[in-house]
Amino acid sequence: DQAAVDAMDKKSGDVLMCVLDTFARNGDREAGRRAWKAIQAMTTNTKERYKKYMAYNHALDGTTWTLPDEDTCEK
């Protein structure tokens, strides 16, 4: 379902930017990158999750996206 993939892609991008921006405001962009990698590791920590993550990435193959300009952290 392409609409579901697109919605998840938007949400994922917003969450990524929130994590990176939060750490950047505290002066440590590299910690934000490490945190994002840790989140990815936790969300793909089983064979079933990994397969779904790879299917999601396959559905995105060939697409492009832009990073949001606004604050994407939910209050």
PDB file of N, CA and C in Angstrom:
ATOM      1  N   ASP A   1       0.850  -1.182   0.000  1.00  0.00           N
ATOM      2  CA  ASP A   1       0.000   0.000   0.000  1.00  0.00           C
ATOM      3  C   ASP A   1       0.892   1.240   0.000  1.00  0.00           C
ATOM      4  N   GLN A   2       0.974   1.891  -1.144  1.00  0.00           N
ATOM      5  CA  GLN A   2       1.888   3.017  -1.302  1.00  0.00           C
ATOM      6  C   GLN A   2       1.541   4.182  -0.381  1.00  0.00           C
ATOM      7  N   ALA A   3       0.257   4.405  -0.121  1.00  0.00           N
ATOM      8  CA  ALA A   3      -0.127   5.495   0.788  1.00  0.00           C
ATOM      9  C   ALA A   3       0.411   5.244   2.185  1.00  0.00           C
ATOM     10  N   ALA A   4       0.361   4.008   2.646  1.00  0.00           N
ATOM     11  CA  ALA A   4       0.890   3.659   3.969  1.00  0.00           C
ATOM     12  C   ALA A   4       2.408   3.822   4.004  1.00  0.00           C
ATOM     13  N   VAL A   5       3.075   3.429   2.928  1.00  0.00           N
ATOM     14  CA  VAL A   5       4.529   3.583   2.843  1.00  0.00           C
ATOM     15  C   VAL A   5       4.894   5.062   2.875  1.00  0.00           C
ATOM     16  N   ASP A   6       4.177   5.872   2.116  1.00  0.00           N
ATOM     17  CA  ASP A   6       4.443   7.310   2.089  1.00  0.00           C
ATOM     18  C   ASP A   6       4.227   7.946   3.459  1.00  0.00           C
ATOM     19  N   ALA A   7       3.163   7.544   4.142  1.00  0.00           N
ATOM     20  CA  ALA A   7       2.880   8.086   5.470  1.00  0.00           C
ATOM     21  C   ALA A   7       3.972   7.690   6.461  1.00  0.00           C
ATOM     22  N   MET A   8       4.412   6.455   6.391  1.00  0.00           N
ATOM     23  CA  MET A   8       5.474   5.999   7.287  1.00  0.00           C
ATOM     24  C   MET A   8       6.785   6.700   6.973  1.00  0.00           C
ATOM     25  N   ASP A   9       7.048   6.940   5.711  1.00  0.00           N
ATOM     26  CA  ASP A   9       8.260   7.649   5.307  1.00  0.00           C
ATOM     27  C   ASP A   9       8.262   9.067   5.882  1.00  0.00           C
ATOM     28  N   LYS A  10       7.130   9.738   5.813  1.00  0.00           N
ATOM     29  CA  LYS A  10       7.015  11.093   6.368  1.00  0.00           C
ATOM     30  C   LYS A  10       7.239  11.070   7.873  1.00  0.00           C
ATOM     31  N   LYS A  11       6.587  10.152   8.560  1.00  0.00           N
ATOM     32  CA  LYS A  11       6.722  10.057  10.008  1.00  0.00           C
ATOM     33  C   LYS A  11       8.153   9.725  10.398  1.00  0.00           C
ATOM     34  N   SER A  12       8.763   8.801   9.689  1.00  0.00           N
ATOM     35  CA  SER A  12      10.136   8.405   9.970  1.00  0.00           C
ATOM     36  C   SER A  12      11.096   9.577   9.794  1.00  0.00           C
ATOM     37  N   GLY A  13      10.906  10.348   8.735  1.00  0.00           N
ATOM     38  CA  GLY A  13      11.730  11.529   8.504  1.00  0.00           C
ATOM     39  C   GLY A  13      11.564  12.554   9.609  1.00  0.00           C
ATOM     40  N   ASP A  14      10.328  12.741  10.060  1.00  0.00           N
ATOM     41  CA  ASP A  14      10.071  13.688  11.154  1.00  0.00           C
ATOM     42  C   ASP A  14      10.764  13.241  12.436  1.00  0.00           C
ATOM     43  N   VAL A  15      10.671  11.951  12.732  1.00  0.00           N
ATOM     44  CA  VAL A  15      11.301  11.426  13.951  1.00  0.00           C
ATOM     45  C   VAL A  15      12.819  11.554  13.852  1.00  0.00           C
ATOM     46  N   LEU A  16      13.378  11.205  12.702  1.00  0.00           N
ATOM     47  CA  LEU A  16      14.823  11.340  12.508  1.00  0.00           C
ATOM     48  C   LEU A  16      15.270  12.771  12.765  1.00  0.00           C
ATOM     49  N   MET A  17      14.577  13.725  12.175  1.00  0.00           N
ATOM     50  CA  MET A  17      14.961  15.128  12.354  1.00  0.00           C
ATOM     51  C   MET A  17      14.812  15.559  13.800  1.00  0.00           C
ATOM     52  N   CYS A  18      13.789  15.089  14.482  1.00  0.00           N
ATOM     53  CA  CYS A  18      13.603  15.429  15.885  1.00  0.00           C
ATOM     54  C   CYS A  18      14.793  14.938  16.712  1.00  0.00           C
ATOM     55  N   VAL A  19      15.191  13.691  16.491  1.00  0.00           N
ATOM     56  CA  VAL A  19      16.334  13.136  17.225  1.00  0.00           C
ATOM     57  C   VAL A  19      17.592  13.945  16.925  1.00  0.00           C
ATOM     58  N   LEU A  20      17.880  14.155  15.656  1.00  0.00           N
ATOM     59  CA  LEU A  20      19.096  14.885  15.287  1.00  0.00           C
ATOM     60  C   LEU A  20      19.076  16.322  15.802  1.00  0.00           C
ATOM     61  N   ASP A  21      17.940  16.999  15.657  1.00  0.00           N
ATOM     62  CA  ASP A  21      17.835  18.388  16.121  1.00  0.00           C
ATOM     63  C   ASP A  21      17.954  18.499  17.639  1.00  0.00           C
ATOM     64  N   THR A  22      17.377  17.552  18.350  1.00  0.00           N
ATOM     65  CA  THR A  22      17.445  17.586  19.810  1.00  0.00           C
ATOM     66  C   THR A  22      18.893  17.494  20.277  1.00  0.00           C
ATOM     67  N   PHE A  23      19.643  16.581  19.710  1.00  0.00           N
ATOM     68  CA  PHE A  23      21.047  16.465  20.101  1.00  0.00           C
ATOM     69  C   PHE A  23      21.856  17.659  19.610  1.00  0.00           C
ATOM     70  N   ALA A  24      21.534  18.179  18.428  1.00  0.00           N
ATOM     71  CA  ALA A  24      22.264  19.331  17.896  1.00  0.00           C
ATOM     72  C   ALA A  24      22.072  20.546  18.791  1.00  0.00           C
ATOM     73  N   ARG A  25      20.859  20.731  19.315  1.00  0.00           N
ATOM     74  CA  ARG A  25      20.613  21.862  20.228  1.00  0.00           C
ATOM     75  C   ARG A  25      21.464  21.747  21.480  1.00  0.00           C
ATOM     76  N   ASN A  26      21.808  20.536  21.835  1.00  0.00           N
ATOM     77  CA  ASN A  26      22.660  20.308  22.996  1.00  0.00           C
ATOM     78  C   ASN A  26      24.136  20.232  22.615  1.00  0.00           C
ATOM     79  N   GLY A  27      24.430  20.543  21.350  1.00  0.00           N
ATOM     80  CA  GLY A  27      25.813  20.639  20.896  1.00  0.00           C
ATOM     81  C   GLY A  27      26.489  19.330  20.531  1.00  0.00           C
ATOM     82  N   ASP A  28      25.720  18.262  20.312  1.00  0.00           N
ATOM     83  CA  ASP A  28      26.354  16.981  20.013  1.00  0.00           C
ATOM     84  C   ASP A  28      25.627  16.245  18.888  1.00  0.00           C
ATOM     85  N   ARG A  29      25.859  16.694  17.655  1.00  0.00           N
ATOM     86  CA  ARG A  29      25.226  16.058  16.498  1.00  0.00           C
ATOM     87  C   ARG A  29      25.598  14.581  16.380  1.00  0.00           C
ATOM     88  N   GLU A  30      26.842  14.242  16.693  1.00  0.00           N
ATOM     89  CA  GLU A  30      27.283  12.853  16.579  1.00  0.00           C
ATOM     90  C   GLU A  30      26.495  11.951  17.525  1.00  0.00           C
ATOM     91  N   ALA A  31      26.163  12.438  18.690  1.00  0.00           N
ATOM     92  CA  ALA A  31      25.343  11.650  19.620  1.00  0.00           C
ATOM     93  C   ALA A  31      23.965  11.397  19.016  1.00  0.00           C
ATOM     94  N   GLY A  32      23.442  12.351  18.265  1.00  0.00           N
ATOM     95  CA  GLY A  32      22.165  12.165  17.577  1.00  0.00           C
ATOM     96  C   GLY A  32      22.240  11.060  16.547  1.00  0.00           C
ATOM     97  N   ARG A  33      23.327  11.022  15.822  1.00  0.00           N
ATOM     98  CA  ARG A  33      23.512   9.953  14.831  1.00  0.00           C
ATOM     99  C   ARG A  33      23.610   8.587  15.514  1.00  0.00           C
ATOM    100  N   ARG A  34      24.346   8.548  16.616  1.00  0.00           N
ATOM    101  CA  ARG A  34      24.459   7.287  17.360  1.00  0.00           C
ATOM    102  C   ARG A  34      23.100   6.853  17.904  1.00  0.00           C
ATOM    103  N   ALA A  35      22.327   7.813  18.398  1.00  0.00           N
ATOM    104  CA  ALA A  35      20.996   7.499  18.922  1.00  0.00           C
ATOM    105  C   ALA A  35      20.104   6.943  17.813  1.00  0.00           C
ATOM    106  N   TRP A  36      20.152   7.542  16.628  1.00  0.00           N
ATOM    107  CA  TRP A  36      19.329   7.056  15.516  1.00  0.00           C
ATOM    108  C   TRP A  36      19.731   5.638  15.132  1.00  0.00           C
ATOM    109  N   LYS A  37      21.028   5.352  15.104  1.00  0.00           N
ATOM    110  CA  LYS A  37      21.478   3.995  14.788  1.00  0.00           C
ATOM    111  C   LYS A  37      21.008   3.011  15.853  1.00  0.00           C
ATOM    112  N   ALA A  38      21.003   3.437  17.102  1.00  0.00           N
ATOM    113  CA  ALA A  38      20.524   2.572  18.184  1.00  0.00           C
ATOM    114  C   ALA A  38      19.028   2.297  18.027  1.00  0.00           C
ATOM    115  N   ILE A  39      18.271   3.309  17.641  1.00  0.00           N
ATOM    116  CA  ILE A  39      16.831   3.132  17.405  1.00  0.00           C
ATOM    117  C   ILE A  39      16.601   2.140  16.278  1.00  0.00           C
ATOM    118  N   GLN A  40      17.355   2.290  15.201  1.00  0.00           N
ATOM    119  CA  GLN A  40      17.230   1.343  14.084  1.00  0.00           C
ATOM    120  C   GLN A  40      17.566  -0.075  14.532  1.00  0.00           C
ATOM    121  N   ALA A  41      18.608  -0.225  15.327  1.00  0.00           N
ATOM    122  CA  ALA A  41      19.001  -1.556  15.803  1.00  0.00           C
ATOM    123  C   ALA A  41      17.895  -2.176  16.653  1.00  0.00           C
ATOM    124  N   MET A  42      17.266  -1.361  17.492  1.00  0.00           N
ATOM    125  CA  MET A  42      16.195  -1.884  18.349  1.00  0.00           C
ATOM    126  C   MET A  42      14.959  -2.261  17.547  1.00  0.00           C
ATOM    127  N   THR A  43      14.693  -1.533  16.478  1.00  0.00           N
ATOM    128  CA  THR A  43      13.477  -1.800  15.707  1.00  0.00           C
ATOM    129  C   THR A  43      13.669  -2.918  14.675  1.00  0.00           C
ATOM    130  N   THR A  44      14.888  -3.384  14.525  1.00  0.00           N
ATOM    131  CA  THR A  44      15.154  -4.501  13.603  1.00  0.00           C
ATOM    132  C   THR A  44      15.835  -5.651  14.335  1.00  0.00           C
ATOM    133  N   ASN A  45      15.504  -5.824  15.597  1.00  0.00           N
ATOM    134  CA  ASN A  45      16.228  -6.782  16.432  1.00  0.00           C
ATOM    135  C   ASN A  45      15.683  -8.212  16.380  1.00  0.00           C
ATOM    136  N   THR A  46      14.731  -8.475  15.521  1.00  0.00           N
ATOM    137  CA  THR A  46      14.268  -9.849  15.301  1.00  0.00           C
ATOM    138  C   THR A  46      14.223 -10.091  13.796  1.00  0.00           C
ATOM    139  N   LYS A  47      14.214 -11.344  13.424  1.00  0.00           N
ATOM    140  CA  LYS A  47      14.171 -11.685  11.998  1.00  0.00           C
ATOM    141  C   LYS A  47      12.915 -11.119  11.342  1.00  0.00           C
ATOM    142  N   GLU A  48      11.764 -11.223  12.022  1.00  0.00           N
ATOM    143  CA  GLU A  48      10.510 -10.713  11.463  1.00  0.00           C
ATOM    144  C   GLU A  48      10.554  -9.193  11.285  1.00  0.00           C
ATOM    145  N   ARG A  49      11.041  -8.484  12.281  1.00  0.00           N
ATOM    146  CA  ARG A  49      11.145  -7.022  12.177  1.00  0.00           C
ATOM    147  C   ARG A  49      12.104  -6.618  11.070  1.00  0.00           C
ATOM    148  N   TYR A  50      13.230  -7.332  10.983  1.00  0.00           N
ATOM    149  CA  TYR A  50      14.208  -7.028   9.955  1.00  0.00           C
ATOM    150  C   TYR A  50      13.616  -7.228   8.560  1.00  0.00           C
ATOM    151  N   LYS A  51      12.883  -8.307   8.372  1.00  0.00           N
ATOM    152  CA  LYS A  51      12.249  -8.560   7.074  1.00  0.00           C
ATOM    153  C   LYS A  51      11.270  -7.442   6.717  1.00  0.00           C
ATOM    154  N   LYS A  52      10.483  -7.002   7.691  1.00  0.00           N
ATOM    155  CA  LYS A  52       9.524  -5.915   7.434  1.00  0.00           C
ATOM    156  C   LYS A  52      10.246  -4.607   7.134  1.00  0.00           C
ATOM    157  N   TYR A  53      11.317  -4.356   7.846  1.00  0.00           N
ATOM    158  CA  TYR A  53      12.113  -3.146   7.601  1.00  0.00           C
ATOM    159  C   TYR A  53      12.693  -3.171   6.189  1.00  0.00           C
ATOM    160  N   MET A  54      13.191  -4.331   5.766  1.00  0.00           N
ATOM    161  CA  MET A  54      13.745  -4.443   4.420  1.00  0.00           C
ATOM    162  C   MET A  54      12.652  -4.307   3.359  1.00  0.00           C
ATOM    163  N   ALA A  55      11.459  -4.843   3.626  1.00  0.00           N
ATOM    164  CA  ALA A  55      10.344  -4.687   2.683  1.00  0.00           C
ATOM    165  C   ALA A  55       9.956  -3.220   2.568  1.00  0.00           C
ATOM    166  N   TYR A  56       9.944  -2.521   3.698  1.00  0.00           N
ATOM    167  CA  TYR A  56       9.648  -1.078   3.703  1.00  0.00           C
ATOM    168  C   TYR A  56      10.700  -0.337   2.876  1.00  0.00           C
ATOM    169  N   ASN A  57      11.969  -0.643   3.101  1.00  0.00           N
ATOM    170  CA  ASN A  57      13.026   0.019   2.337  1.00  0.00           C
ATOM    171  C   ASN A  57      12.928  -0.313   0.850  1.00  0.00           C
ATOM    172  N   HIS A  58      12.561  -1.535   0.529  1.00  0.00           N
ATOM    173  CA  HIS A  58      12.380  -1.921  -0.877  1.00  0.00           C
ATOM    174  C   HIS A  58      11.242  -1.105  -1.504  1.00  0.00           C
ATOM    175  N   ALA A  59      10.173  -0.889  -0.742  1.00  0.00           N
ATOM    176  CA  ALA A  59       9.040  -0.099  -1.246  1.00  0.00           C
ATOM    177  C   ALA A  59       9.449   1.345  -1.503  1.00  0.00           C
ATOM    178  N   LEU A  60      10.470   1.822  -0.779  1.00  0.00           N
ATOM    179  CA  LEU A  60      10.957   3.189  -0.968  1.00  0.00           C
ATOM    180  C   LEU A  60      12.004   3.301  -2.069  1.00  0.00           C
ATOM    181  N   ASP A  61      12.468   2.180  -2.563  1.00  0.00           N
ATOM    182  CA  ASP A  61      13.538   2.183  -3.560  1.00  0.00           C
ATOM    183  C   ASP A  61      13.173   3.071  -4.743  1.00  0.00           C
ATOM    184  N   GLY A  62      14.068   3.993  -5.039  1.00  0.00           N
ATOM    185  CA  GLY A  62      13.855   4.891  -6.163  1.00  0.00           C
ATOM    186  C   GLY A  62      13.103   6.161  -5.815  1.00  0.00           C
ATOM    187  N   THR A  63      12.671   6.280  -4.565  1.00  0.00           N
ATOM    188  CA  THR A  63      11.960   7.497  -4.172  1.00  0.00           C
ATOM    189  C   THR A  63      12.946   8.517  -3.619  1.00  0.00           C
ATOM    190  N   THR A  64      12.507   9.736  -3.552  1.00  0.00           N
ATOM    191  CA  THR A  64      13.303  10.803  -2.947  1.00  0.00           C
ATOM    192  C   THR A  64      12.478  11.471  -1.867  1.00  0.00           C
ATOM    193  N   TRP A  65      13.157  12.150  -0.965  1.00  0.00           N
ATOM    194  CA  TRP A  65      12.441  12.880   0.074  1.00  0.00           C
ATOM    195  C   TRP A  65      13.289  14.069   0.500  1.00  0.00           C
ATOM    196  N   THR A  66      12.639  15.016   1.112  1.00  0.00           N
ATOM    197  CA  THR A  66      13.332  16.194   1.607  1.00  0.00           C
ATOM    198  C   THR A  66      13.198  16.245   3.120  1.00  0.00           C
ATOM    199  N   LEU A  67      14.183  16.856   3.739  1.00  0.00           N
ATOM    200  CA  LEU A  67      14.128  17.025   5.184  1.00  0.00           C
ATOM    201  C   LEU A  67      13.235  18.209   5.521  1.00  0.00           C
ATOM    202  N   PRO A  68      12.434  18.088   6.558  1.00  0.00           N
ATOM    203  CA  PRO A  68      11.546  19.192   6.930  1.00  0.00           C
ATOM    204  C   PRO A  68      12.340  20.374   7.486  1.00  0.00           C
ATOM    205  N   ASP A  69      11.826  21.579   7.274  1.00  0.00           N
ATOM    206  CA  ASP A  69      12.453  22.792   7.800  1.00  0.00           C
ATOM    207  C   ASP A  69      11.962  23.118   9.206  1.00  0.00           C
ATOM    208  N   GLU A  70      10.739  22.693   9.508  1.00  0.00           N
ATOM    209  CA  GLU A  70      10.142  23.050  10.782  1.00  0.00           C
ATOM    210  C   GLU A  70      10.535  22.051  11.872  1.00  0.00           C
ATOM    211  N   ASP A  71      10.248  22.410  13.119  1.00  0.00           N
ATOM    212  CA  ASP A  71      10.470  21.535  14.264  1.00  0.00           C
ATOM    213  C   ASP A  71       9.513  20.346  14.125  1.00  0.00           C
ATOM    214  N   THR A  72      10.043  19.150  14.123  1.00  0.00           N
ATOM    215  CA  THR A  72       9.208  17.971  13.931  1.00  0.00           C
ATOM    216  C   THR A  72       8.982  17.195  15.222  1.00  0.00           C
ATOM    217  N   CYS A  73       9.506  17.702  16.326  1.00  0.00           N
ATOM    218  CA  CYS A  73       9.312  17.021  17.612  1.00  0.00           C
ATOM    219  C   CYS A  73       7.894  17.276  18.102  1.00  0.00           C
ATOM    220  N   GLU A  74       7.211  16.198  18.440  1.00  0.00           N
ATOM    221  CA  GLU A  74       5.849  16.326  18.977  1.00  0.00           C
ATOM    222  C   GLU A  74       5.948  16.785  20.416  1.00  0.00           C
ATOM    223  N   LYS A  75       5.153  17.723  20.767  1.00  0.00           N
ATOM    224  CA  LYS A  75       5.189  18.272  22.132  1.00  0.00           C
ATOM    225  C   LYS A  75       4.242  17.529  23.022  1.00  0.00           C
TER     226      LYS A  75
END
